[in-house]
Amino acid sequence: MAATLGVTPAQLALAWPLHQDEHVVAIPGSRTPAPIEENLAAADLTLRPDTLARVQEALSAFEVAGGTLL
């Protein structure tokens, strides 16, 4: 899916939660400077509603566990 958008899987993985809610914060990790630049570029991605729906559909196959801090 990321390749069809012209982005890396990591960029898509970071951009998707940023499109969920203004209070969502993605926390990427990296060991070298190159991934940091890649991660920063993810914040500038605009995902269209059809793309968000495709990601949500793909994720619906998994059970998500977690909670909120608020």
PDB file of N, CA and C in Angstrom:
ATOM      1  N   MET A   1       0.826  -1.183   0.000  1.00  0.00           N
ATOM      2  CA  MET A   1       0.000   0.000   0.000  1.00  0.00           C
ATOM      3  C   MET A   1       0.875   1.254   0.000  1.00  0.00           C
ATOM      4  N   ALA A   2       1.934   1.220   0.793  1.00  0.00           N
ATOM      5  CA  ALA A   2       2.825   2.374   0.860  1.00  0.00           C
ATOM      6  C   ALA A   2       3.480   2.634  -0.489  1.00  0.00           C
ATOM      7  N   ALA A   3       3.891   1.575  -1.158  1.00  0.00           N
ATOM      8  CA  ALA A   3       4.557   1.726  -2.456  1.00  0.00           C
ATOM      9  C   ALA A   3       3.634   2.396  -3.475  1.00  0.00           C
ATOM     10  N   THR A   4       2.353   2.071  -3.439  1.00  0.00           N
ATOM     11  CA  THR A   4       1.420   2.705  -4.388  1.00  0.00           C
ATOM     12  C   THR A   4       1.250   4.194  -4.096  1.00  0.00           C
ATOM     13  N   LEU A   5       1.521   4.588  -2.864  1.00  0.00           N
ATOM     14  CA  LEU A   5       1.438   6.006  -2.484  1.00  0.00           C
ATOM     15  C   LEU A   5       2.765   6.731  -2.682  1.00  0.00           C
ATOM     16  N   GLY A   6       3.812   5.969  -2.978  1.00  0.00           N
ATOM     17  CA  GLY A   6       5.129   6.577  -3.166  1.00  0.00           C
ATOM     18  C   GLY A   6       5.817   6.949  -1.862  1.00  0.00           C
ATOM     19  N   VAL A   7       5.467   6.231  -0.791  1.00  0.00           N
ATOM     20  CA  VAL A   7       6.080   6.474   0.511  1.00  0.00           C
ATOM     21  C   VAL A   7       6.616   5.154   1.048  1.00  0.00           C
ATOM     22  N   THR A   8       7.391   5.234   2.118  1.00  0.00           N
ATOM     23  CA  THR A   8       7.891   4.013   2.740  1.00  0.00           C
ATOM     24  C   THR A   8       6.831   3.451   3.690  1.00  0.00           C
ATOM     25  N   PRO A   9       6.921   2.157   3.994  1.00  0.00           N
ATOM     26  CA  PRO A   9       5.989   1.597   4.986  1.00  0.00           C
ATOM     27  C   PRO A   9       6.048   2.340   6.325  1.00  0.00           C
ATOM     28  N   ALA A  10       7.234   2.742   6.727  1.00  0.00           N
ATOM     29  CA  ALA A  10       7.364   3.477   7.991  1.00  0.00           C
ATOM     30  C   ALA A  10       6.626   4.815   7.932  1.00  0.00           C
ATOM     31  N   GLN A  11       6.718   5.495   6.799  1.00  0.00           N
ATOM     32  CA  GLN A  11       6.029   6.781   6.662  1.00  0.00           C
ATOM     33  C   GLN A  11       4.520   6.595   6.722  1.00  0.00           C
ATOM     34  N   LEU A  12       4.014   5.567   6.073  1.00  0.00           N
ATOM     35  CA  LEU A  12       2.577   5.303   6.121  1.00  0.00           C
ATOM     36  C   LEU A  12       2.155   4.936   7.539  1.00  0.00           C
ATOM     37  N   ALA A  13       2.974   4.115   8.202  1.00  0.00           N
ATOM     38  CA  ALA A  13       2.666   3.709   9.576  1.00  0.00           C
ATOM     39  C   ALA A  13       2.647   4.894  10.534  1.00  0.00           C
ATOM     40  N   LEU A  14       3.445   5.901  10.272  1.00  0.00           N
ATOM     41  CA  LEU A  14       3.452   7.097  11.118  1.00  0.00           C
ATOM     42  C   LEU A  14       2.369   8.089  10.720  1.00  0.00           C
ATOM     43  N   ALA A  15       2.099   8.196   9.426  1.00  0.00           N
ATOM     44  CA  ALA A  15       1.100   9.164   8.960  1.00  0.00           C
ATOM     45  C   ALA A  15      -0.313   8.749   9.348  1.00  0.00           C
ATOM     46  N   TRP A  16      -0.591   7.457   9.334  1.00  0.00           N
ATOM     47  CA  TRP A  16      -1.957   6.998   9.612  1.00  0.00           C
ATOM     48  C   TRP A  16      -2.451   7.437  10.991  1.00  0.00           C
ATOM     49  N   PRO A  17      -1.717   7.194  12.082  1.00  0.00           N
ATOM     50  CA  PRO A  17      -2.248   7.634  13.379  1.00  0.00           C
ATOM     51  C   PRO A  17      -2.383   9.153  13.482  1.00  0.00           C
ATOM     52  N   LEU A  18      -1.519   9.877  12.781  1.00  0.00           N
ATOM     53  CA  LEU A  18      -1.612  11.339  12.821  1.00  0.00           C
ATOM     54  C   LEU A  18      -2.902  11.848  12.186  1.00  0.00           C
ATOM     55  N   HIS A  19      -3.533  11.030  11.358  1.00  0.00           N
ATOM     56  CA  HIS A  19      -4.800  11.405  10.727  1.00  0.00           C
ATOM     57  C   HIS A  19      -6.013  10.977  11.551  1.00  0.00           C
ATOM     58  N   GLN A  20      -5.802  10.342  12.691  1.00  0.00           N
ATOM     59  CA  GLN A  20      -6.912   9.827  13.486  1.00  0.00           C
ATOM     60  C   GLN A  20      -7.549  10.885  14.383  1.00  0.00           C
ATOM     61  N   ASP A  21      -6.728  11.682  15.017  1.00  0.00           N
ATOM     62  CA  ASP A  21      -7.234  12.656  15.982  1.00  0.00           C
ATOM     63  C   ASP A  21      -6.112  13.652  16.257  1.00  0.00           C
ATOM     64  N   GLU A  22      -6.488  14.858  16.577  1.00  0.00           N
ATOM     65  CA  GLU A  22      -5.459  15.878  16.834  1.00  0.00           C
ATOM     66  C   GLU A  22      -4.658  15.588  18.103  1.00  0.00           C
ATOM     67  N   HIS A  23      -5.169  14.705  18.958  1.00  0.00           N
ATOM     68  CA  HIS A  23      -4.477  14.381  20.204  1.00  0.00           C
ATOM     69  C   HIS A  23      -3.595  13.142  20.093  1.00  0.00           C
ATOM     70  N   VAL A  24      -3.529  12.538  18.919  1.00  0.00           N
ATOM     71  CA  VAL A  24      -2.698  11.354  18.713  1.00  0.00           C
ATOM     72  C   VAL A  24      -1.275  11.792  18.407  1.00  0.00           C
ATOM     73  N   VAL A  25      -0.341  11.138  19.035  1.00  0.00           N
ATOM     74  CA  VAL A  25       1.070  11.433  18.813  1.00  0.00           C
ATOM     75  C   VAL A  25       1.764  10.136  18.425  1.00  0.00           C
ATOM     76  N   ALA A  26       2.437  10.144  17.292  1.00  0.00           N
ATOM     77  CA  ALA A  26       3.231   8.990  16.885  1.00  0.00           C
ATOM     78  C   ALA A  26       4.619   9.127  17.497  1.00  0.00           C
ATOM     79  N   ILE A  27       5.139   8.033  18.025  1.00  0.00           N
ATOM     80  CA  ILE A  27       6.453   8.057  18.659  1.00  0.00           C
ATOM     81  C   ILE A  27       7.357   7.083  17.910  1.00  0.00           C
ATOM     82  N   PRO A  28       8.065   7.582  16.902  1.00  0.00           N
ATOM     83  CA  PRO A  28       8.956   6.698  16.150  1.00  0.00           C
ATOM     84  C   PRO A  28      10.289   6.509  16.854  1.00  0.00           C
ATOM     85  N   GLY A  29      10.952   5.467  16.486  1.00  0.00           N
ATOM     86  CA  GLY A  29      12.292   5.239  17.006  1.00  0.00           C
ATOM     87  C   GLY A  29      13.264   5.120  15.845  1.00  0.00           C
ATOM     88  N   SER A  30      14.484   5.447  16.071  1.00  0.00           N
ATOM     89  CA  SER A  30      15.504   5.281  15.041  1.00  0.00           C
ATOM     90  C   SER A  30      16.876   5.251  15.696  1.00  0.00           C
ATOM     91  N   ARG A  31      17.804   4.642  14.987  1.00  0.00           N
ATOM     92  CA  ARG A  31      19.164   4.518  15.510  1.00  0.00           C
ATOM     93  C   ARG A  31      20.159   5.383  14.761  1.00  0.00           C
ATOM     94  N   THR A  32      19.761   5.871  13.591  1.00  0.00           N
ATOM     95  CA  THR A  32      20.662   6.690  12.781  1.00  0.00           C
ATOM     96  C   THR A  32      19.898   7.893  12.242  1.00  0.00           C
ATOM     97  N   PRO A  33      20.578   8.902  11.749  1.00  0.00           N
ATOM     98  CA  PRO A  33      19.907  10.107  11.232  1.00  0.00           C
ATOM     99  C   PRO A  33      19.002   9.868  10.020  1.00  0.00           C
ATOM    100  N   ALA A  34      19.335   8.946   9.149  1.00  0.00           N
ATOM    101  CA  ALA A  34      18.532   8.740   7.938  1.00  0.00           C
ATOM    102  C   ALA A  34      17.068   8.413   8.245  1.00  0.00           C
ATOM    103  N   PRO A  35      16.762   7.486   9.148  1.00  0.00           N
ATOM    104  CA  PRO A  35      15.354   7.235   9.462  1.00  0.00           C
ATOM    105  C   PRO A  35      14.652   8.428  10.109  1.00  0.00           C
ATOM    106  N   ILE A  36      15.407   9.263  10.801  1.00  0.00           N
ATOM    107  CA  ILE A  36      14.792  10.438  11.418  1.00  0.00           C
ATOM    108  C   ILE A  36      14.233  11.356  10.337  1.00  0.00           C
ATOM    109  N   GLU A  37      14.987  11.567   9.280  1.00  0.00           N
ATOM    110  CA  GLU A  37      14.503  12.397   8.174  1.00  0.00           C
ATOM    111  C   GLU A  37      13.289  11.756   7.505  1.00  0.00           C
ATOM    112  N   GLU A  38      13.327  10.444   7.338  1.00  0.00           N
ATOM    113  CA  GLU A  38      12.188   9.717   6.760  1.00  0.00           C
ATOM    114  C   GLU A  38      10.958   9.868   7.649  1.00  0.00           C
ATOM    115  N   ASN A  39      11.150   9.728   8.956  1.00  0.00           N
ATOM    116  CA  ASN A  39      10.040   9.863   9.900  1.00  0.00           C
ATOM    117  C   ASN A  39       9.453  11.270   9.877  1.00  0.00           C
ATOM    118  N   LEU A  40      10.305  12.277   9.803  1.00  0.00           N
ATOM    119  CA  LEU A  40       9.819  13.658   9.762  1.00  0.00           C
ATOM    120  C   LEU A  40       8.963  13.913   8.523  1.00  0.00           C
ATOM    121  N   ALA A  41       9.334  13.318   7.412  1.00  0.00           N
ATOM    122  CA  ALA A  41       8.574  13.500   6.174  1.00  0.00           C
ATOM    123  C   ALA A  41       7.165  12.935   6.302  1.00  0.00           C
ATOM    124  N   ALA A  42       6.975  11.958   7.165  1.00  0.00           N
ATOM    125  CA  ALA A  42       5.649  11.369   7.349  1.00  0.00           C
ATOM    126  C   ALA A  42       4.651  12.386   7.896  1.00  0.00           C
ATOM    127  N   ALA A  43       5.129  13.338   8.662  1.00  0.00           N
ATOM    128  CA  ALA A  43       4.240  14.357   9.234  1.00  0.00           C
ATOM    129  C   ALA A  43       3.663  15.263   8.156  1.00  0.00           C
ATOM    130  N   ASP A  44       4.312  15.337   7.009  1.00  0.00           N
ATOM    131  CA  ASP A  44       3.835  16.195   5.923  1.00  0.00           C
ATOM    132  C   ASP A  44       2.896  15.472   4.954  1.00  0.00           C
ATOM    133  N   LEU A  45       2.685  14.171   5.171  1.00  0.00           N
ATOM    134  CA  LEU A  45       1.821  13.416   4.260  1.00  0.00           C
ATOM    135  C   LEU A  45       0.355  13.736   4.507  1.00  0.00           C
ATOM    136  N   THR A  46      -0.390  13.843   3.439  1.00  0.00           N
ATOM    137  CA  THR A  46      -1.834  13.976   3.529  1.00  0.00           C
ATOM    138  C   THR A  46      -2.448  12.711   2.953  1.00  0.00           C
ATOM    139  N   LEU A  47      -3.147  11.978   3.787  1.00  0.00           N
ATOM    140  CA  LEU A  47      -3.780  10.747   3.346  1.00  0.00           C
ATOM    141  C   LEU A  47      -5.242  11.023   3.021  1.00  0.00           C
ATOM    142  N   ARG A  48      -5.648  10.635   1.820  1.00  0.00           N
ATOM    143  CA  ARG A  48      -7.027  10.858   1.375  1.00  0.00           C
ATOM    144  C   ARG A  48      -7.967   9.909   2.109  1.00  0.00           C
ATOM    145  N   PRO A  49      -9.247  10.256   2.163  1.00  0.00           N
ATOM    146  CA  PRO A  49     -10.213   9.395   2.857  1.00  0.00           C
ATOM    147  C   PRO A  49     -10.235   7.958   2.336  1.00  0.00           C
ATOM    148  N   ASP A  50     -10.088   7.758   1.034  1.00  0.00           N
ATOM    149  CA  ASP A  50     -10.096   6.392   0.512  1.00  0.00           C
ATOM    150  C   ASP A  50      -8.863   5.620   0.981  1.00  0.00           C
ATOM    151  N   THR A  51      -7.747   6.288   1.109  1.00  0.00           N
ATOM    152  CA  THR A  51      -6.536   5.635   1.618  1.00  0.00           C
ATOM    153  C   THR A  51      -6.709   5.287   3.087  1.00  0.00           C
ATOM    154  N   LEU A  52      -7.250   6.205   3.862  1.00  0.00           N
ATOM    155  CA  LEU A  52      -7.491   5.930   5.281  1.00  0.00           C
ATOM    156  C   LEU A  52      -8.432   4.747   5.448  1.00  0.00           C
ATOM    157  N   ALA A  53      -9.444   4.646   4.583  1.00  0.00           N
ATOM    158  CA  ALA A  53     -10.382   3.529   4.639  1.00  0.00           C
ATOM    159  C   ALA A  53      -9.685   2.210   4.311  1.00  0.00           C
ATOM    160  N   ARG A  54      -8.772   2.224   3.340  1.00  0.00           N
ATOM    161  CA  ARG A  54      -8.032   1.008   2.985  1.00  0.00           C
ATOM    162  C   ARG A  54      -7.128   0.562   4.126  1.00  0.00           C
ATOM    163  N   VAL A  55      -6.487   1.514   4.769  1.00  0.00           N
ATOM    164  CA  VAL A  55      -5.636   1.172   5.917  1.00  0.00           C
ATOM    165  C   VAL A  55      -6.505   0.604   7.035  1.00  0.00           C
ATOM    166  N   GLN A  56      -7.624   1.240   7.314  1.00  0.00           N
ATOM    167  CA  GLN A  56      -8.522   0.760   8.367  1.00  0.00           C
ATOM    168  C   GLN A  56      -9.021  -0.644   8.056  1.00  0.00           C
ATOM    169  N   GLU A  57      -9.338  -0.899   6.805  1.00  0.00           N
ATOM    170  CA  GLU A  57      -9.798  -2.232   6.403  1.00  0.00           C
ATOM    171  C   GLU A  57      -8.695  -3.271   6.642  1.00  0.00           C
ATOM    172  N   ALA A  58      -7.473  -2.933   6.281  1.00  0.00           N
ATOM    173  CA  ALA A  58      -6.353  -3.853   6.487  1.00  0.00           C
ATOM    174  C   ALA A  58      -6.121  -4.105   7.975  1.00  0.00           C
ATOM    175  N   LEU A  59      -6.281  -3.074   8.781  1.00  0.00           N
ATOM    176  CA  LEU A  59      -6.053  -3.213  10.219  1.00  0.00           C
ATOM    177  C   LEU A  59      -7.184  -3.940  10.931  1.00  0.00           C
ATOM    178  N   SER A  60      -8.351  -3.978  10.325  1.00  0.00           N
ATOM    179  CA  SER A  60      -9.496  -4.614  10.975  1.00  0.00           C
ATOM    180  C   SER A  60      -9.308  -6.117  11.155  1.00  0.00           C
ATOM    181  N   ALA A  61      -8.338  -6.690  10.476  1.00  0.00           N
ATOM    182  CA  ALA A  61      -8.054  -8.113  10.634  1.00  0.00           C
ATOM    183  C   ALA A  61      -7.328  -8.407  11.951  1.00  0.00           C
ATOM    184  N   PHE A  62      -6.882  -7.363  12.650  1.00  0.00           N
ATOM    185  CA  PHE A  62      -6.107  -7.528  13.878  1.00  0.00           C
ATOM    186  C   PHE A  62      -6.902  -7.015  15.067  1.00  0.00           C
ATOM    187  N   GLU A  63      -6.735  -7.665  16.209  1.00  0.00           N
ATOM    188  CA  GLU A  63      -7.342  -7.183  17.446  1.00  0.00           C
ATOM    189  C   GLU A  63      -6.387  -6.181  18.083  1.00  0.00           C
ATOM    190  N   VAL A  64      -6.878  -4.999  18.340  1.00  0.00           N
ATOM    191  CA  VAL A  64      -6.054  -3.947  18.924  1.00  0.00           C
ATOM    192  C   VAL A  64      -6.380  -3.832  20.399  1.00  0.00           C
ATOM    193  N   ALA A  65      -5.354  -3.765  21.218  1.00  0.00           N
ATOM    194  CA  ALA A  65      -5.530  -3.611  22.658  1.00  0.00           C
ATOM    195  C   ALA A  65      -4.797  -2.358  23.098  1.00  0.00           C
ATOM    196  N   GLY A  66      -5.328  -1.700  24.064  1.00  0.00           N
ATOM    197  CA  GLY A  66      -4.668  -0.503  24.566  1.00  0.00           C
ATOM    198  C   GLY A  66      -5.681   0.414  25.204  1.00  0.00           C
ATOM    199  N   GLY A  67      -5.251   1.588  25.529  1.00  0.00           N
ATOM    200  CA  GLY A  67      -6.117   2.541  26.167  1.00  0.00           C
ATOM    201  C   GLY A  67      -5.637   3.947  25.929  1.00  0.00           C
ATOM    202  N   THR A  68      -6.240   4.860  26.610  1.00  0.00           N
ATOM    203  CA  THR A  68      -5.857   6.264  26.469  1.00  0.00           C
ATOM    204  C   THR A  68      -5.354   6.761  27.824  1.00  0.00           C
ATOM    205  N   LEU A  69      -4.647   7.831  27.763  1.00  0.00           N
ATOM    206  CA  LEU A  69      -4.160   8.451  28.991  1.00  0.00           C
ATOM    207  C   LEU A  69      -5.136   9.460  29.546  1.00  0.00           C
ATOM    208  N   LEU A  70      -6.133   9.810  28.757  1.00  0.00           N
ATOM    209  CA  LEU A  70      -7.082  10.829  29.200  1.00  0.00           C
ATOM    210  C   LEU A  70      -8.342  10.219  29.737  1.00  0.00           C
TER     211      LEU A  70
END
